[in-house]
Amino acid sequence: MEYAPGRRADVFVHAARPTILLWHGMQTDARAAVRPLAGLLAGHGAAVVVPDWNSHADDGGRADLLGSLEYTRQRADGADIVLVGWSLGGAAAAALTLDAAHFNVVLAHTVCLAGAFTAPDPISGRLVTDRLSADHIGTPFTLLHGLADDVVPVRVSRDFAASLERIGWPVELVELAADHGSIAGAVYDPVADRYEPATGGAPLSVATEVAARVASIISAAAPTEAATKHYNEDMKAAMPQTVWVTGCSSWYLGKDGLPELFPWTPQTHRELLRQPRLADFDVRTA
């Protein structure tokens, strides 16, 4: 599919939410290289958008990246977006996350795979650490990096994680038995000097683990129709003189007495599911 004139993306359609936007690395128009990982993510019940982008364009790929983001936002139609970036795409994902307010975007989570944080990111042309500020804490990060990575050493993610931790930005660093390609489901072809999609073996096993870790971030639960009806009836019984005039069937009063959406945010999901009445929920796990 085209996300912009002449610019193509793989789209793995799924009725579930949220939507994952997956950015490949520096190699031009390399969505095929991460196609195995995208398929594995879709297998966990996510909709996945994988755009081509050109880091060698005059703007470093900025227009492609932001265009694919806008395309994904339109497809998501208000649902959560999880941003996943590999290598230079990871640096771009970090840059967008750190400057999300400027781009008027809300991300549910950002996952960087072997993020190239010591290179200027394609969106701003600067180092991502240049914009770190304790005044603008936002979307949590998960950094996944291979211990055998000889392209972007694991210390790059360690240093970035430490920088985030110093200002109180939520981050988790996970180090895996992987190299630079396998962490994204790709293998390096030294003859062609490019990354190709993995077809089996260790690289695909690593990608399977990565997909499971990403999916665990976006696991969700939704109330059953019966539980929702019971909740509504209890609310109405507790406030018998209330005239219910809202046209939205999914607004409820939260813990602080203010209206909010149910089942709320992923963090509220986690709180609610610590001691759930499982019969009240349709639970989807990774």
C-alpha atoms as a PDB file:
ATOM      1  CA  MET A   1       0.000   0.000   0.000  1.00  0.00           C
ATOM      2  CA  GLU A   2       1.101   3.611  -0.488  1.00  0.00           C
ATOM      3  CA  TYR A   3       1.390   5.778   2.619  1.00  0.00           C
ATOM      4  CA  ALA A   4       2.403   8.722   0.414  1.00  0.00           C
ATOM      5  CA  PRO A   5       2.712   9.149  -3.362  1.00  0.00           C
ATOM      6  CA  GLY A   6       5.301   6.645  -4.550  1.00  0.00           C
ATOM      7  CA  ARG A   7       6.125   5.473  -1.020  1.00  0.00           C
ATOM      8  CA  ARG A   8       5.035   1.986  -0.028  1.00  0.00           C
ATOM      9  CA  ALA A   9       4.375   0.143   3.206  1.00  0.00           C
ATOM     10  CA  ASP A  10       3.464  -3.380   4.240  1.00  0.00           C
ATOM     11  CA  VAL A  11       0.264  -3.352   6.276  1.00  0.00           C
ATOM     12  CA  PHE A  12      -0.694  -6.316   8.418  1.00  0.00           C
ATOM     13  CA  VAL A  13      -4.386  -5.766   9.075  1.00  0.00           C
ATOM     14  CA  HIS A  14      -5.860  -6.972  12.337  1.00  0.00           C
ATOM     15  CA  ALA A  15      -9.014  -5.966  14.164  1.00  0.00           C
ATOM     16  CA  ALA A  16      -7.144  -5.796  17.441  1.00  0.00           C
ATOM     17  CA  ARG A  17      -5.584  -2.744  18.976  1.00  0.00           C
ATOM     18  CA  PRO A  18      -3.106  -1.125  19.295  1.00  0.00           C
ATOM     19  CA  THR A  19      -1.301  -0.488  16.024  1.00  0.00           C
ATOM     20  CA  ILE A  20       2.456  -0.949  15.706  1.00  0.00           C
ATOM     21  CA  LEU A  21       4.484   1.322  13.417  1.00  0.00           C
ATOM     22  CA  LEU A  22       7.769  -0.433  12.597  1.00  0.00           C
ATOM     23  CA  TRP A  23      10.673   1.555  11.116  1.00  0.00           C
ATOM     24  CA  HIS A  24      13.597  -0.309   9.524  1.00  0.00           C
ATOM     25  CA  GLY A  25      17.176   0.963   9.671  1.00  0.00           C
ATOM     26  CA  MET A  26      19.503   3.029   7.469  1.00  0.00           C
ATOM     27  CA  GLN A  27      19.304   0.730   4.426  1.00  0.00           C
ATOM     28  CA  THR A  28      17.091   2.459   1.867  1.00  0.00           C
ATOM     29  CA  ASP A  29      13.553   1.119   1.403  1.00  0.00           C
ATOM     30  CA  ALA A  30      14.264  -2.006   3.446  1.00  0.00           C
ATOM     31  CA  ARG A  31      10.831  -2.924   4.755  1.00  0.00           C
ATOM     32  CA  ALA A  32      11.358  -6.448   3.407  1.00  0.00           C
ATOM     33  CA  ALA A  33      14.241  -6.965   5.845  1.00  0.00           C
ATOM     34  CA  VAL A  34      11.943  -6.634   8.867  1.00  0.00           C
ATOM     35  CA  ARG A  35       8.971  -8.415   7.290  1.00  0.00           C
ATOM     36  CA  PRO A  36       9.491 -11.595   9.372  1.00  0.00           C
ATOM     37  CA  LEU A  37       9.393  -9.556  12.586  1.00  0.00           C
ATOM     38  CA  ALA A  38       6.313  -7.682  11.383  1.00  0.00           C
ATOM     39  CA  GLY A  39       4.554 -10.957  10.654  1.00  0.00           C
ATOM     40  CA  LEU A  40       5.396 -12.272  14.104  1.00  0.00           C
ATOM     41  CA  LEU A  41       4.035  -9.107  15.706  1.00  0.00           C
ATOM     42  CA  ALA A  42       0.837  -9.437  13.690  1.00  0.00           C
ATOM     43  CA  GLY A  43       0.606 -13.028  14.883  1.00  0.00           C
ATOM     44  CA  HIS A  44       0.291 -11.678  18.418  1.00  0.00           C
ATOM     45  CA  GLY A  45      -2.851  -9.797  17.442  1.00  0.00           C
ATOM     46  CA  ALA A  46      -1.553  -6.366  16.491  1.00  0.00           C
ATOM     47  CA  ALA A  47      -2.084  -4.331  13.360  1.00  0.00           C
ATOM     48  CA  VAL A  48       1.367  -3.526  11.941  1.00  0.00           C
ATOM     49  CA  VAL A  49       2.496  -0.857   9.465  1.00  0.00           C
ATOM     50  CA  VAL A  50       5.998  -1.240   7.976  1.00  0.00           C
ATOM     51  CA  PRO A  51       6.952   1.636   5.659  1.00  0.00           C
ATOM     52  CA  ASP A  52       9.900   2.017   3.351  1.00  0.00           C
ATOM     53  CA  TRP A  53      11.947   5.115   4.122  1.00  0.00           C
ATOM     54  CA  ASN A  54      15.079   6.582   2.594  1.00  0.00           C
ATOM     55  CA  SER A  55      17.810   7.696   4.974  1.00  0.00           C
ATOM     56  CA  HIS A  56      19.858   8.843   1.958  1.00  0.00           C
ATOM     57  CA  ALA A  57      17.286  11.379   0.789  1.00  0.00           C
ATOM     58  CA  ASP A  58      18.176  15.057   1.012  1.00  0.00           C
ATOM     59  CA  ASP A  59      16.169  15.375   4.248  1.00  0.00           C
ATOM     60  CA  GLY A  60      17.633  12.195   5.754  1.00  0.00           C
ATOM     61  CA  GLY A  61      14.305  10.408   5.537  1.00  0.00           C
ATOM     62  CA  ARG A  62      12.370  12.853   7.702  1.00  0.00           C
ATOM     63  CA  ALA A  63       9.464  13.273   5.264  1.00  0.00           C
ATOM     64  CA  ASP A  64       9.103   9.519   4.825  1.00  0.00           C
ATOM     65  CA  LEU A  65       9.134   8.875   8.562  1.00  0.00           C
ATOM     66  CA  LEU A  66       6.643  11.599   9.424  1.00  0.00           C
ATOM     67  CA  GLY A  67       4.473  10.667   6.447  1.00  0.00           C
ATOM     68  CA  SER A  68       4.306   7.063   7.607  1.00  0.00           C
ATOM     69  CA  LEU A  69       3.425   8.264  11.101  1.00  0.00           C
ATOM     70  CA  GLU A  70       0.518  10.332   9.796  1.00  0.00           C
ATOM     71  CA  TYR A  71      -0.666   7.406   7.677  1.00  0.00           C
ATOM     72  CA  THR A  72      -0.547   5.127  10.714  1.00  0.00           C
ATOM     73  CA  ARG A  73      -2.416   7.633  12.876  1.00  0.00           C
ATOM     74  CA  GLN A  74      -5.200   7.755  10.320  1.00  0.00           C
ATOM     75  CA  ARG A  75      -5.401   3.966  10.138  1.00  0.00           C
ATOM     76  CA  ALA A  76      -5.352   3.627  13.924  1.00  0.00           C
ATOM     77  CA  ASP A  77      -8.341   5.991  14.163  1.00  0.00           C
ATOM     78  CA  GLY A  78      -7.616   7.058  17.722  1.00  0.00           C
ATOM     79  CA  ALA A  79      -6.298   3.719  18.987  1.00  0.00           C
ATOM     80  CA  ASP A  80      -2.930   3.457  20.712  1.00  0.00           C
ATOM     81  CA  ILE A  81       0.214   3.462  18.585  1.00  0.00           C
ATOM     82  CA  VAL A  82       3.349   1.598  19.619  1.00  0.00           C
ATOM     83  CA  LEU A  83       6.456   2.801  17.778  1.00  0.00           C
ATOM     84  CA  VAL A  84       9.217   0.278  17.058  1.00  0.00           C
ATOM     85  CA  GLY A  85      12.462   1.289  15.361  1.00  0.00           C
ATOM     86  CA  TRP A  86      15.564  -0.674  14.382  1.00  0.00           C
ATOM     87  CA  SER A  87      19.087   0.816  14.302  1.00  0.00           C
ATOM     88  CA  LEU A  88      18.840   4.288  12.714  1.00  0.00           C
ATOM     89  CA  GLY A  89      15.082   3.771  12.751  1.00  0.00           C
ATOM     90  CA  GLY A  90      15.443   3.308  16.499  1.00  0.00           C
ATOM     91  CA  ALA A  91      17.177   6.671  16.763  1.00  0.00           C
ATOM     92  CA  ALA A  92      14.318   8.202  14.761  1.00  0.00           C
ATOM     93  CA  ALA A  93      11.780   6.540  17.057  1.00  0.00           C
ATOM     94  CA  ALA A  94      13.572   7.913  20.104  1.00  0.00           C
ATOM     95  CA  ALA A  95      13.724  11.404  18.612  1.00  0.00           C
ATOM     96  CA  LEU A  96      10.009  11.411  17.870  1.00  0.00           C
ATOM     97  CA  THR A  97       9.215  10.136  21.351  1.00  0.00           C
ATOM     98  CA  LEU A  98      11.333  12.750  23.085  1.00  0.00           C
ATOM     99  CA  ASP A  99       9.751  15.506  21.002  1.00  0.00           C
ATOM    100  CA  ALA A 100       6.230  14.050  20.782  1.00  0.00           C
ATOM    101  CA  ALA A 101       4.525  17.253  21.931  1.00  0.00           C
ATOM    102  CA  HIS A 102       6.079  19.177  19.049  1.00  0.00           C
ATOM    103  CA  PHE A 103       4.605  16.690  16.586  1.00  0.00           C
ATOM    104  CA  ASN A 104       1.283  16.515  18.431  1.00  0.00           C
ATOM    105  CA  VAL A 105       1.484  12.748  18.738  1.00  0.00           C
ATOM    106  CA  VAL A 106       0.728  10.455  21.670  1.00  0.00           C
ATOM    107  CA  LEU A 107       2.510   7.105  21.712  1.00  0.00           C
ATOM    108  CA  ALA A 108       1.596   4.222  23.988  1.00  0.00           C
ATOM    109  CA  HIS A 109       5.159   2.858  24.069  1.00  0.00           C
ATOM    110  CA  THR A 110       8.414   3.076  22.125  1.00  0.00           C
ATOM    111  CA  VAL A 111      10.673   0.089  21.467  1.00  0.00           C
ATOM    112  CA  CYS A 112      14.172   0.606  20.067  1.00  0.00           C
ATOM    113  CA  LEU A 113      15.982  -2.381  18.575  1.00  0.00           C
ATOM    114  CA  ALA A 114      19.748  -1.815  18.581  1.00  0.00           C
ATOM    115  CA  GLY A 115      19.096   1.918  18.465  1.00  0.00           C
ATOM    116  CA  ALA A 116      21.862   3.948  16.808  1.00  0.00           C
ATOM    117  CA  PHE A 117      21.692   6.720  19.391  1.00  0.00           C
ATOM    118  CA  THR A 118      25.207   8.012  18.699  1.00  0.00           C
ATOM    119  CA  ALA A 119      24.246   8.994  15.135  1.00  0.00           C
ATOM    120  CA  PRO A 120      22.239  12.122  14.272  1.00  0.00           C
ATOM    121  CA  ASP A 121      18.614  11.066  14.132  1.00  0.00           C
ATOM    122  CA  PRO A 122      16.838  11.417  10.757  1.00  0.00           C
ATOM    123  CA  ILE A 123      14.047  13.588  12.119  1.00  0.00           C
ATOM    124  CA  SER A 124      15.984  16.421  13.763  1.00  0.00           C
ATOM    125  CA  GLY A 125      19.503  15.860  12.439  1.00  0.00           C
ATOM    126  CA  ARG A 126      20.825  15.986  16.014  1.00  0.00           C
ATOM    127  CA  LEU A 127      21.751  13.462  18.687  1.00  0.00           C
ATOM    128  CA  VAL A 128      18.708  12.254  20.584  1.00  0.00           C
ATOM    129  CA  THR A 129      20.377  12.996  23.912  1.00  0.00           C
ATOM    130  CA  ASP A 130      20.529  16.695  23.003  1.00  0.00           C
ATOM    131  CA  ARG A 131      16.798  16.985  23.720  1.00  0.00           C
ATOM    132  CA  LEU A 132      16.624  15.133  27.026  1.00  0.00           C
ATOM    133  CA  SER A 133      14.871  17.176  29.686  1.00  0.00           C
ATOM    134  CA  ALA A 134      13.329  16.311  33.033  1.00  0.00           C
ATOM    135  CA  ASP A 135      10.640  18.887  32.232  1.00  0.00           C
ATOM    136  CA  HIS A 136       9.121  16.755  29.485  1.00  0.00           C
ATOM    137  CA  ILE A 137       8.817  13.146  30.670  1.00  0.00           C
ATOM    138  CA  GLY A 138       6.673  11.109  28.303  1.00  0.00           C
ATOM    139  CA  THR A 139       6.189   7.728  26.647  1.00  0.00           C
ATOM    140  CA  PRO A 140       8.065   4.793  28.248  1.00  0.00           C
ATOM    141  CA  PHE A 141      10.947   3.201  26.365  1.00  0.00           C
ATOM    142  CA  THR A 142      11.970  -0.413  26.011  1.00  0.00           C
ATOM    143  CA  LEU A 143      15.477  -0.820  24.591  1.00  0.00           C
ATOM    144  CA  LEU A 144      16.377  -4.230  23.170  1.00  0.00           C
ATOM    145  CA  HIS A 145      19.989  -4.794  22.144  1.00  0.00           C
ATOM    146  CA  GLY A 146      22.069  -7.783  21.091  1.00  0.00           C
ATOM    147  CA  LEU A 147      25.185  -8.657  23.047  1.00  0.00           C
ATOM    148  CA  ALA A 148      26.854  -9.806  19.807  1.00  0.00           C
ATOM    149  CA  ASP A 149      26.083  -6.577  17.924  1.00  0.00           C
ATOM    150  CA  ASP A 150      29.288  -5.421  16.200  1.00  0.00           C
ATOM    151  CA  VAL A 151      27.589  -2.605  14.253  1.00  0.00           C
ATOM    152  CA  VAL A 152      26.022  -0.668  17.120  1.00  0.00           C
ATOM    153  CA  PRO A 153      27.647  -1.904  20.350  1.00  0.00           C
ATOM    154  CA  VAL A 154      25.365  -2.686  23.278  1.00  0.00           C
ATOM    155  CA  ARG A 155      27.004   0.096  25.297  1.00  0.00           C
ATOM    156  CA  VAL A 156      25.134   2.589  23.087  1.00  0.00           C
ATOM    157  CA  SER A 157      21.806   1.432  24.503  1.00  0.00           C
ATOM    158  CA  ARG A 158      23.293   1.167  27.988  1.00  0.00           C
ATOM    159  CA  ASP A 159      24.421   4.788  27.812  1.00  0.00           C
ATOM    160  CA  PHE A 160      21.078   5.984  26.438  1.00  0.00           C
ATOM    161  CA  ALA A 161      19.196   4.079  29.137  1.00  0.00           C
ATOM    162  CA  ALA A 162      21.410   5.664  31.793  1.00  0.00           C
ATOM    163  CA  SER A 163      20.733   9.126  30.346  1.00  0.00           C
ATOM    164  CA  LEU A 164      16.988   8.497  30.482  1.00  0.00           C
ATOM    165  CA  GLU A 165      17.168   7.152  34.023  1.00  0.00           C
ATOM    166  CA  ARG A 166      19.074  10.217  35.231  1.00  0.00           C
ATOM    167  CA  ILE A 167      16.140  12.467  34.362  1.00  0.00           C
ATOM    168  CA  GLY A 168      13.470  10.036  35.538  1.00  0.00           C
ATOM    169  CA  TRP A 169      12.239   8.969  32.093  1.00  0.00           C
ATOM    170  CA  PRO A 170      10.776   5.418  32.281  1.00  0.00           C
ATOM    171  CA  VAL A 171      13.013   2.953  30.452  1.00  0.00           C
ATOM    172  CA  GLU A 172      13.782  -0.757  30.449  1.00  0.00           C
ATOM    173  CA  LEU A 173      16.924  -2.176  28.849  1.00  0.00           C
ATOM    174  CA  VAL A 174      16.955  -5.835  27.796  1.00  0.00           C
ATOM    175  CA  GLU A 175      20.119  -7.422  26.417  1.00  0.00           C
ATOM    176  CA  LEU A 176      19.641 -10.466  24.210  1.00  0.00           C
ATOM    177  CA  ALA A 177      21.806 -13.120  22.598  1.00  0.00           C
ATOM    178  CA  ALA A 178      21.560 -11.451  19.196  1.00  0.00           C
ATOM    179  CA  ASP A 179      23.541  -9.517  16.614  1.00  0.00           C
ATOM    180  CA  HIS A 180      22.589  -6.344  14.777  1.00  0.00           C
ATOM    181  CA  GLY A 181      20.423  -8.069  12.191  1.00  0.00           C
ATOM    182  CA  SER A 182      18.802 -10.896  14.106  1.00  0.00           C
ATOM    183  CA  ILE A 183      17.292  -8.582  16.713  1.00  0.00           C
ATOM    184  CA  ALA A 184      15.042  -7.315  13.894  1.00  0.00           C
ATOM    185  CA  GLY A 185      14.560 -10.664  12.156  1.00  0.00           C
ATOM    186  CA  ALA A 186      17.140  -9.894   9.465  1.00  0.00           C
ATOM    187  CA  VAL A 187      20.433 -11.369   8.267  1.00  0.00           C
ATOM    188  CA  TYR A 188      23.372  -9.557   6.700  1.00  0.00           C
ATOM    189  CA  ASP A 189      24.424 -10.564   3.175  1.00  0.00           C
ATOM    190  CA  PRO A 190      28.103  -9.532   2.868  1.00  0.00           C
ATOM    191  CA  VAL A 191      28.153 -10.051  -0.908  1.00  0.00           C
ATOM    192  CA  ALA A 192      25.206  -7.744  -1.545  1.00  0.00           C
ATOM    193  CA  ASP A 193      26.169  -5.567   1.444  1.00  0.00           C
ATOM    194  CA  ARG A 194      22.590  -5.406   2.656  1.00  0.00           C
ATOM    195  CA  TYR A 195      20.215  -6.927   5.173  1.00  0.00           C
ATOM    196  CA  GLU A 196      17.727  -9.531   4.012  1.00  0.00           C
ATOM    197  CA  PRO A 197      14.775 -11.109   5.824  1.00  0.00           C
ATOM    198  CA  ALA A 198      15.654 -14.142   7.934  1.00  0.00           C
ATOM    199  CA  THR A 199      14.136 -17.416   6.770  1.00  0.00           C
ATOM    200  CA  GLY A 200      14.918 -19.612   9.750  1.00  0.00           C
ATOM    201  CA  GLY A 201      17.496 -20.607  12.313  1.00  0.00           C
ATOM    202  CA  ALA A 202      18.815 -18.398  15.102  1.00  0.00           C
ATOM    203  CA  PRO A 203      17.800 -15.042  13.563  1.00  0.00           C
ATOM    204  CA  LEU A 204      14.163 -16.085  13.338  1.00  0.00           C
ATOM    205  CA  SER A 205      14.299 -17.459  16.884  1.00  0.00           C
ATOM    206  CA  VAL A 206      15.586 -14.104  18.115  1.00  0.00           C
ATOM    207  CA  ALA A 207      12.853 -12.281  16.196  1.00  0.00           C
ATOM    208  CA  THR A 208      10.277 -14.559  17.799  1.00  0.00           C
ATOM    209  CA  GLU A 209      11.559 -13.582  21.239  1.00  0.00           C
ATOM    210  CA  VAL A 210      11.581  -9.892  20.309  1.00  0.00           C
ATOM    211  CA  ALA A 211       8.007 -10.093  19.012  1.00  0.00           C
ATOM    212  CA  ALA A 212       6.885 -11.776  22.224  1.00  0.00           C
ATOM    213  CA  ARG A 213       8.522  -9.061  24.316  1.00  0.00           C
ATOM    214  CA  VAL A 214       6.877  -6.308  22.293  1.00  0.00           C
ATOM    215  CA  ALA A 215       3.541  -8.095  22.469  1.00  0.00           C
ATOM    216  CA  SER A 216       3.819  -8.402  26.251  1.00  0.00           C
ATOM    217  CA  ILE A 217       3.931  -4.615  26.411  1.00  0.00           C
ATOM    218  CA  ILE A 218       0.640  -4.289  24.583  1.00  0.00           C
ATOM    219  CA  SER A 219      -1.361  -7.103  26.172  1.00  0.00           C
ATOM    220  CA  ALA A 220      -4.848  -5.923  26.985  1.00  0.00           C
ATOM    221  CA  ALA A 221      -8.136  -6.779  28.614  1.00  0.00           C
ATOM    222  CA  ALA A 222     -11.628  -5.554  27.864  1.00  0.00           C
ATOM    223  CA  PRO A 223     -14.818  -5.971  29.906  1.00  0.00           C
ATOM    224  CA  THR A 224     -17.411  -8.447  28.718  1.00  0.00           C
ATOM    225  CA  GLU A 225     -20.794  -7.171  27.626  1.00  0.00           C
ATOM    226  CA  ALA A 226     -22.388  -8.746  30.708  1.00  0.00           C
ATOM    227  CA  ALA A 227     -19.900  -7.069  33.063  1.00  0.00           C
ATOM    228  CA  THR A 228     -20.388  -3.724  31.334  1.00  0.00           C
ATOM    229  CA  LYS A 229     -24.173  -4.020  31.612  1.00  0.00           C
ATOM    230  CA  HIS A 230     -23.890  -4.935  35.299  1.00  0.00           C
ATOM    231  CA  TYR A 231     -21.589  -1.958  35.898  1.00  0.00           C
ATOM    232  CA  ASN A 232     -24.027   0.399  34.189  1.00  0.00           C
ATOM    233  CA  GLU A 233     -26.943  -0.932  36.203  1.00  0.00           C
ATOM    234  CA  ASP A 234     -25.013  -0.515  39.462  1.00  0.00           C
ATOM    235  CA  MET A 235     -24.096   3.048  38.527  1.00  0.00           C
ATOM    236  CA  LYS A 236     -27.695   3.927  37.736  1.00  0.00           C
ATOM    237  CA  ALA A 237     -28.944   2.288  40.926  1.00  0.00           C
ATOM    238  CA  ALA A 238     -26.413   4.263  42.972  1.00  0.00           C
ATOM    239  CA  MET A 239     -27.602   7.541  41.426  1.00  0.00           C
ATOM    240  CA  PRO A 240     -31.354   7.073  40.891  1.00  0.00           C
ATOM    241  CA  GLN A 241     -32.045  10.767  40.232  1.00  0.00           C
ATOM    242  CA  THR A 242     -29.416  11.040  37.521  1.00  0.00           C
ATOM    243  CA  VAL A 243     -30.553  11.724  33.969  1.00  0.00           C
ATOM    244  CA  TRP A 244     -28.190   9.852  31.633  1.00  0.00           C
ATOM    245  CA  VAL A 245     -27.844  11.934  28.482  1.00  0.00           C
ATOM    246  CA  THR A 246     -24.403  11.038  27.103  1.00  0.00           C
ATOM    247  CA  GLY A 247     -24.303   9.717  23.581  1.00  0.00           C
ATOM    248  CA  CYS A 248     -21.153   7.694  24.252  1.00  0.00           C
ATOM    249  CA  SER A 249     -21.628   4.193  25.632  1.00  0.00           C
ATOM    250  CA  SER A 250     -18.056   3.854  26.884  1.00  0.00           C
ATOM    251  CA  TRP A 251     -17.706   6.727  29.363  1.00  0.00           C
ATOM    252  CA  TYR A 252     -17.597   5.932  33.067  1.00  0.00           C
ATOM    253  CA  LEU A 253     -16.616   7.606  36.317  1.00  0.00           C
ATOM    254  CA  GLY A 254     -13.057   6.913  37.340  1.00  0.00           C
ATOM    255  CA  LYS A 255     -11.443   6.602  40.760  1.00  0.00           C
ATOM    256  CA  ASP A 256     -11.327  10.368  41.174  1.00  0.00           C
ATOM    257  CA  GLY A 257     -14.979  10.831  40.240  1.00  0.00           C
ATOM    258  CA  LEU A 258     -14.190  12.244  36.805  1.00  0.00           C
ATOM    259  CA  PRO A 259     -15.312  10.722  33.507  1.00  0.00           C
ATOM    260  CA  GLU A 260     -12.833   8.541  31.715  1.00  0.00           C
ATOM    261  CA  LEU A 261     -12.767   5.746  29.175  1.00  0.00           C
ATOM    262  CA  PHE A 262     -12.998   2.131  30.256  1.00  0.00           C
ATOM    263  CA  PRO A 263     -10.813   0.059  30.126  1.00  0.00           C
ATOM    264  CA  TRP A 264      -8.688   3.217  30.449  1.00  0.00           C
ATOM    265  CA  THR A 265      -4.964   3.222  29.873  1.00  0.00           C
ATOM    266  CA  PRO A 266      -2.538   0.279  29.736  1.00  0.00           C
ATOM    267  CA  GLN A 267      -1.330   1.210  33.233  1.00  0.00           C
ATOM    268  CA  THR A 268      -4.888   1.037  34.553  1.00  0.00           C
ATOM    269  CA  HIS A 269      -5.260  -2.332  32.835  1.00  0.00           C
ATOM    270  CA  ARG A 270      -2.309  -3.581  34.850  1.00  0.00           C
ATOM    271  CA  GLU A 271      -3.675  -2.221  38.124  1.00  0.00           C
ATOM    272  CA  LEU A 272      -7.079  -3.710  37.480  1.00  0.00           C
ATOM    273  CA  LEU A 273      -5.712  -7.095  36.489  1.00  0.00           C
ATOM    274  CA  ARG A 274      -3.624  -7.610  39.612  1.00  0.00           C
ATOM    275  CA  GLN A 275      -6.683  -9.139  41.303  1.00  0.00           C
ATOM    276  CA  PRO A 276      -9.278  -9.441  38.555  1.00  0.00           C
ATOM    277  CA  ARG A 277     -12.638 -11.131  38.396  1.00  0.00           C
ATOM    278  CA  LEU A 278     -11.646 -13.017  35.272  1.00  0.00           C
ATOM    279  CA  ALA A 279     -15.255 -13.822  34.426  1.00  0.00           C
ATOM    280  CA  ASP A 280     -15.824 -10.102  33.896  1.00  0.00           C
ATOM    281  CA  PHE A 281     -13.158  -9.782  31.213  1.00  0.00           C
ATOM    282  CA  ASP A 282     -12.250 -10.922  27.752  1.00  0.00           C
ATOM    283  CA  VAL A 283      -8.512 -11.190  28.296  1.00  0.00           C
ATOM    284  CA  ARG A 284      -6.113 -11.029  25.335  1.00  0.00           C
ATOM    285  CA  THR A 285      -2.520 -11.804  26.225  1.00  0.00           C
ATOM    286  CA  ALA A 286       0.597 -11.846  24.140  1.00  0.00           C
END
